[in-house]
Amino acid sequence: MNKKIEKYGVKAVTRPHIAATKQLDLSGAEGQQIVKSETKLVLRTHKKTFDKLAHM
């Protein structure tokens, strides 16, 4: 990837890895609500992709 970026005259910079600091507990009612809302968002965002996959 660095070669692709440098081809356009942009210098590649190494970034530090940032570890997650929170743990999500998806069990229980609150966890189910998180999963449902995120699923609805993904289905809405990628509607055409899922339609194409369904009709293959």
PDB file of N, CA and C in Angstrom:
ATOM      1  N   MET A   1       0.819  -1.185   0.000  1.00  0.00           N
ATOM      2  CA  MET A   1       0.000   0.000   0.000  1.00  0.00           C
ATOM      3  C   MET A   1       0.867   1.254   0.000  1.00  0.00           C
ATOM      4  N   ASN A   2       2.000   1.227   0.649  1.00  0.00           N
ATOM      5  CA  ASN A   2       2.843   2.415   0.690  1.00  0.00           C
ATOM      6  C   ASN A   2       3.302   2.816  -0.698  1.00  0.00           C
ATOM      7  N   LYS A   3       3.585   1.839  -1.544  1.00  0.00           N
ATOM      8  CA  LYS A   3       4.023   2.148  -2.907  1.00  0.00           C
ATOM      9  C   LYS A   3       2.910   2.826  -3.692  1.00  0.00           C
ATOM     10  N   LYS A   4       1.662   2.427  -3.476  1.00  0.00           N
ATOM     11  CA  LYS A   4       0.539   3.042  -4.181  1.00  0.00           C
ATOM     12  C   LYS A   4       0.399   4.507  -3.784  1.00  0.00           C
ATOM     13  N   ILE A   5       0.543   4.796  -2.511  1.00  0.00           N
ATOM     14  CA  ILE A   5       0.410   6.172  -2.030  1.00  0.00           C
ATOM     15  C   ILE A   5       1.577   7.018  -2.509  1.00  0.00           C
ATOM     16  N   GLU A   6       2.782   6.479  -2.404  1.00  0.00           N
ATOM     17  CA  GLU A   6       3.968   7.233  -2.780  1.00  0.00           C
ATOM     18  C   GLU A   6       4.012   7.518  -4.272  1.00  0.00           C
ATOM     19  N   LYS A   7       3.295   6.727  -5.064  1.00  0.00           N
ATOM     20  CA  LYS A   7       3.230   6.952  -6.499  1.00  0.00           C
ATOM     21  C   LYS A   7       2.602   8.309  -6.817  1.00  0.00           C
ATOM     22  N   TYR A   8       1.726   8.786  -5.919  1.00  0.00           N
ATOM     23  CA  TYR A   8       1.047  10.062  -6.121  1.00  0.00           C
ATOM     24  C   TYR A   8       1.752  11.221  -5.418  1.00  0.00           C
ATOM     25  N   GLY A   9       2.933  10.971  -4.877  1.00  0.00           N
ATOM     26  CA  GLY A   9       3.699  12.034  -4.247  1.00  0.00           C
ATOM     27  C   GLY A   9       3.351  12.289  -2.791  1.00  0.00           C
ATOM     28  N   VAL A  10       2.632  11.372  -2.174  1.00  0.00           N
ATOM     29  CA  VAL A  10       2.268  11.517  -0.770  1.00  0.00           C
ATOM     30  C   VAL A  10       3.153  10.584   0.041  1.00  0.00           C
ATOM     31  N   LYS A  11       3.768  11.121   1.088  1.00  0.00           N
ATOM     32  CA  LYS A  11       4.647  10.286   1.912  1.00  0.00           C
ATOM     33  C   LYS A  11       3.814   9.433   2.866  1.00  0.00           C
ATOM     34  N   ALA A  12       4.101   8.144   2.912  1.00  0.00           N
ATOM     35  CA  ALA A  12       3.380   7.221   3.782  1.00  0.00           C
ATOM     36  C   ALA A  12       3.884   7.380   5.217  1.00  0.00           C
ATOM     37  N   VAL A  13       2.948   7.368   6.162  1.00  0.00           N
ATOM     38  CA  VAL A  13       3.272   7.531   7.574  1.00  0.00           C
ATOM     39  C   VAL A  13       2.767   6.310   8.317  1.00  0.00           C
ATOM     40  N   THR A  14       3.578   5.757   9.210  1.00  0.00           N
ATOM     41  CA  THR A  14       3.127   4.617  10.012  1.00  0.00           C
ATOM     42  C   THR A  14       2.339   5.144  11.203  1.00  0.00           C
ATOM     43  N   ARG A  15       1.222   4.552  11.458  1.00  0.00           N
ATOM     44  CA  ARG A  15       0.343   4.963  12.548  1.00  0.00           C
ATOM     45  C   ARG A  15       0.384   3.917  13.661  1.00  0.00           C
ATOM     46  N   PRO A  16       0.302   4.356  14.916  1.00  0.00           N
ATOM     47  CA  PRO A  16       0.298   3.381  16.017  1.00  0.00           C
ATOM     48  C   PRO A  16      -1.029   2.641  16.088  1.00  0.00           C
ATOM     49  N   HIS A  17      -0.975   1.401  16.544  1.00  0.00           N
ATOM     50  CA  HIS A  17      -2.188   0.608  16.714  1.00  0.00           C
ATOM     51  C   HIS A  17      -2.880   1.053  17.995  1.00  0.00           C
ATOM     52  N   ILE A  18      -4.166   1.359  17.923  1.00  0.00           N
ATOM     53  CA  ILE A  18      -4.924   1.791  19.087  1.00  0.00           C
ATOM     54  C   ILE A  18      -5.839   0.651  19.503  1.00  0.00           C
ATOM     55  N   ALA A  19      -5.615   0.158  20.695  1.00  0.00           N
ATOM     56  CA  ALA A  19      -6.412  -0.954  21.201  1.00  0.00           C
ATOM     57  C   ALA A  19      -7.738  -0.441  21.749  1.00  0.00           C
ATOM     58  N   ALA A  20      -8.769  -1.275  21.669  1.00  0.00           N
ATOM     59  CA  ALA A  20     -10.088  -0.914  22.199  1.00  0.00           C
ATOM     60  C   ALA A  20     -10.007  -0.815  23.722  1.00  0.00           C
ATOM     61  N   THR A  21     -10.666   0.195  24.276  1.00  0.00           N
ATOM     62  CA  THR A  21     -10.634   0.388  25.724  1.00  0.00           C
ATOM     63  C   THR A  21     -11.928  -0.051  26.398  1.00  0.00           C
ATOM     64  N   LYS A  22     -12.990  -0.247  25.631  1.00  0.00           N
ATOM     65  CA  LYS A  22     -14.274  -0.639  26.205  1.00  0.00           C
ATOM     66  C   LYS A  22     -14.608  -2.070  25.830  1.00  0.00           C
ATOM     67  N   GLN A  23     -15.357  -2.722  26.687  1.00  0.00           N
ATOM     68  CA  GLN A  23     -15.889  -4.051  26.415  1.00  0.00           C
ATOM     69  C   GLN A  23     -17.405  -3.916  26.317  1.00  0.00           C
ATOM     70  N   LEU A  24     -17.985  -4.394  25.231  1.00  0.00           N
ATOM     71  CA  LEU A  24     -19.437  -4.342  25.077  1.00  0.00           C
ATOM     72  C   LEU A  24     -20.044  -5.663  25.533  1.00  0.00           C
ATOM     73  N   ASP A  25     -20.991  -5.573  26.419  1.00  0.00           N
ATOM     74  CA  ASP A  25     -21.720  -6.751  26.861  1.00  0.00           C
ATOM     75  C   ASP A  25     -23.009  -6.818  26.052  1.00  0.00           C
ATOM     76  N   LEU A  26     -23.077  -7.757  25.107  1.00  0.00           N
ATOM     77  CA  LEU A  26     -24.226  -7.859  24.220  1.00  0.00           C
ATOM     78  C   LEU A  26     -25.283  -8.830  24.726  1.00  0.00           C
ATOM     79  N   SER A  27     -25.102  -9.329  25.938  1.00  0.00           N
ATOM     80  CA  SER A  27     -26.134 -10.184  26.511  1.00  0.00           C
ATOM     81  C   SER A  27     -27.159  -9.303  27.223  1.00  0.00           C
ATOM     82  N   GLY A  28     -28.356  -9.768  27.312  1.00  0.00           N
ATOM     83  CA  GLY A  28     -29.399  -9.000  27.986  1.00  0.00           C
ATOM     84  C   GLY A  28     -30.168  -8.118  27.017  1.00  0.00           C
ATOM     85  N   ALA A  29     -31.098  -7.352  27.568  1.00  0.00           N
ATOM     86  CA  ALA A  29     -31.990  -6.529  26.753  1.00  0.00           C
ATOM     87  C   ALA A  29     -31.243  -5.392  26.065  1.00  0.00           C
ATOM     88  N   GLU A  30     -30.322  -4.752  26.756  1.00  0.00           N
ATOM     89  CA  GLU A  30     -29.575  -3.646  26.161  1.00  0.00           C
ATOM     90  C   GLU A  30     -28.693  -4.128  25.004  1.00  0.00           C
ATOM     91  N   GLY A  31     -28.084  -5.290  25.181  1.00  0.00           N
ATOM     92  CA  GLY A  31     -27.258  -5.862  24.119  1.00  0.00           C
ATOM     93  C   GLY A  31     -28.071  -6.225  22.895  1.00  0.00           C
ATOM     94  N   GLN A  32     -29.261  -6.769  23.115  1.00  0.00           N
ATOM     95  CA  GLN A  32     -30.144  -7.106  22.002  1.00  0.00           C
ATOM     96  C   GLN A  32     -30.561  -5.855  21.242  1.00  0.00           C
ATOM     97  N   GLN A  33     -30.794  -4.763  21.956  1.00  0.00           N
ATOM     98  CA  GLN A  33     -31.184  -3.511  21.314  1.00  0.00           C
ATOM     99  C   GLN A  33     -30.033  -2.969  20.467  1.00  0.00           C
ATOM    100  N   ILE A  34     -28.798  -3.089  20.953  1.00  0.00           N
ATOM    101  CA  ILE A  34     -27.622  -2.642  20.182  1.00  0.00           C
ATOM    102  C   ILE A  34     -27.515  -3.446  18.896  1.00  0.00           C
ATOM    103  N   VAL A  35     -27.660  -4.763  19.004  1.00  0.00           N
ATOM    104  CA  VAL A  35     -27.547  -5.626  17.828  1.00  0.00           C
ATOM    105  C   VAL A  35     -28.644  -5.304  16.817  1.00  0.00           C
ATOM    106  N   LYS A  36     -29.875  -5.120  17.283  1.00  0.00           N
ATOM    107  CA  LYS A  36     -30.990  -4.804  16.382  1.00  0.00           C
ATOM    108  C   LYS A  36     -30.769  -3.482  15.665  1.00  0.00           C
ATOM    109  N   SER A  37     -30.375  -2.455  16.398  1.00  0.00           N
ATOM    110  CA  SER A  37     -30.215  -1.140  15.776  1.00  0.00           C
ATOM    111  C   SER A  37     -29.062  -1.132  14.787  1.00  0.00           C
ATOM    112  N   GLU A  38     -27.965  -1.807  15.106  1.00  0.00           N
ATOM    113  CA  GLU A  38     -26.836  -1.868  14.182  1.00  0.00           C
ATOM    114  C   GLU A  38     -27.191  -2.687  12.938  1.00  0.00           C
ATOM    115  N   THR A  39     -27.971  -3.754  13.118  1.00  0.00           N
ATOM    116  CA  THR A  39     -28.397  -4.568  11.983  1.00  0.00           C
ATOM    117  C   THR A  39     -29.289  -3.763  11.049  1.00  0.00           C
ATOM    118  N   LYS A  40     -30.215  -2.996  11.609  1.00  0.00           N
ATOM    119  CA  LYS A  40     -31.090  -2.156  10.784  1.00  0.00           C
ATOM    120  C   LYS A  40     -30.276  -1.131  10.000  1.00  0.00           C
ATOM    121  N   LEU A  41     -29.271  -0.555  10.641  1.00  0.00           N
ATOM    122  CA  LEU A  41     -28.428   0.435   9.973  1.00  0.00           C
ATOM    123  C   LEU A  41     -27.672  -0.182   8.808  1.00  0.00           C
ATOM    124  N   VAL A  42     -27.104  -1.366   9.017  1.00  0.00           N
ATOM    125  CA  VAL A  42     -26.361  -2.040   7.951  1.00  0.00           C
ATOM    126  C   VAL A  42     -27.281  -2.415   6.805  1.00  0.00           C
ATOM    127  N   LEU A  43     -28.458  -2.938   7.115  1.00  0.00           N
ATOM    128  CA  LEU A  43     -29.414  -3.322   6.069  1.00  0.00           C
ATOM    129  C   LEU A  43     -29.875  -2.111   5.266  1.00  0.00           C
ATOM    130  N   ARG A  44     -30.056  -0.980   5.939  1.00  0.00           N
ATOM    131  CA  ARG A  44     -30.484   0.234   5.250  1.00  0.00           C
ATOM    132  C   ARG A  44     -29.343   0.803   4.393  1.00  0.00           C
ATOM    133  N   THR A  45     -28.130   0.780   4.927  1.00  0.00           N
ATOM    134  CA  THR A  45     -26.978   1.345   4.220  1.00  0.00           C
ATOM    135  C   THR A  45     -26.625   0.536   2.978  1.00  0.00           C
ATOM    136  N   HIS A  46     -26.696  -0.793   3.079  1.00  0.00           N
ATOM    137  CA  HIS A  46     -26.250  -1.663   1.997  1.00  0.00           C
ATOM    138  C   HIS A  46     -27.416  -2.404   1.344  1.00  0.00           C
ATOM    139  N   LYS A  47     -28.548  -1.742   1.205  1.00  0.00           N
ATOM    140  CA  LYS A  47     -29.758  -2.365   0.670  1.00  0.00           C
ATOM    141  C   LYS A  47     -29.543  -2.962  -0.718  1.00  0.00           C
ATOM    142  N   LYS A  48     -28.909  -2.217  -1.628  1.00  0.00           N
ATOM    143  CA  LYS A  48     -28.708  -2.706  -2.995  1.00  0.00           C
ATOM    144  C   LYS A  48     -27.798  -3.930  -3.022  1.00  0.00           C
ATOM    145  N   THR A  49     -26.794  -3.941  -2.158  1.00  0.00           N
ATOM    146  CA  THR A  49     -25.882  -5.080  -2.105  1.00  0.00           C
ATOM    147  C   THR A  49     -26.616  -6.342  -1.683  1.00  0.00           C
ATOM    148  N   PHE A  50     -27.448  -6.232  -0.649  1.00  0.00           N
ATOM    149  CA  PHE A  50     -28.191  -7.401  -0.187  1.00  0.00           C
ATOM    150  C   PHE A  50     -29.220  -7.844  -1.214  1.00  0.00           C
ATOM    151  N   ASP A  51     -29.825  -6.906  -1.932  1.00  0.00           N
ATOM    152  CA  ASP A  51     -30.767  -7.279  -3.003  1.00  0.00           C
ATOM    153  C   ASP A  51     -30.052  -8.054  -4.102  1.00  0.00           C
ATOM    154  N   LYS A  52     -28.862  -7.610  -4.492  1.00  0.00           N
ATOM    155  CA  LYS A  52     -28.096  -8.301  -5.533  1.00  0.00           C
ATOM    156  C   LYS A  52     -27.691  -9.705  -5.074  1.00  0.00           C
ATOM    157  N   LEU A  53     -27.274  -9.821  -3.806  1.00  0.00           N
ATOM    158  CA  LEU A  53     -26.894 -11.136  -3.293  1.00  0.00           C
ATOM    159  C   LEU A  53     -28.097 -12.076  -3.199  1.00  0.00           C
ATOM    160  N   ALA A  54     -29.261 -11.540  -2.895  1.00  0.00           N
ATOM    161  CA  ALA A  54     -30.455 -12.367  -2.788  1.00  0.00           C
ATOM    162  C   ALA A  54     -30.912 -12.911  -4.136  1.00  0.00           C
ATOM    163  N   HIS A  55     -30.609 -12.187  -5.218  1.00  0.00           N
ATOM    164  CA  HIS A  55     -31.083 -12.587  -6.537  1.00  0.00           C
ATOM    165  C   HIS A  55     -29.991 -13.191  -7.409  1.00  0.00           C
ATOM    166  N   MET A  56     -28.946 -13.716  -6.803  1.00  0.00           N
ATOM    167  CA  MET A  56     -27.873 -14.350  -7.579  1.00  0.00           C
ATOM    168  C   MET A  56     -28.268 -15.743  -8.002  1.00  0.00           C
TER     169      MET A  56
END
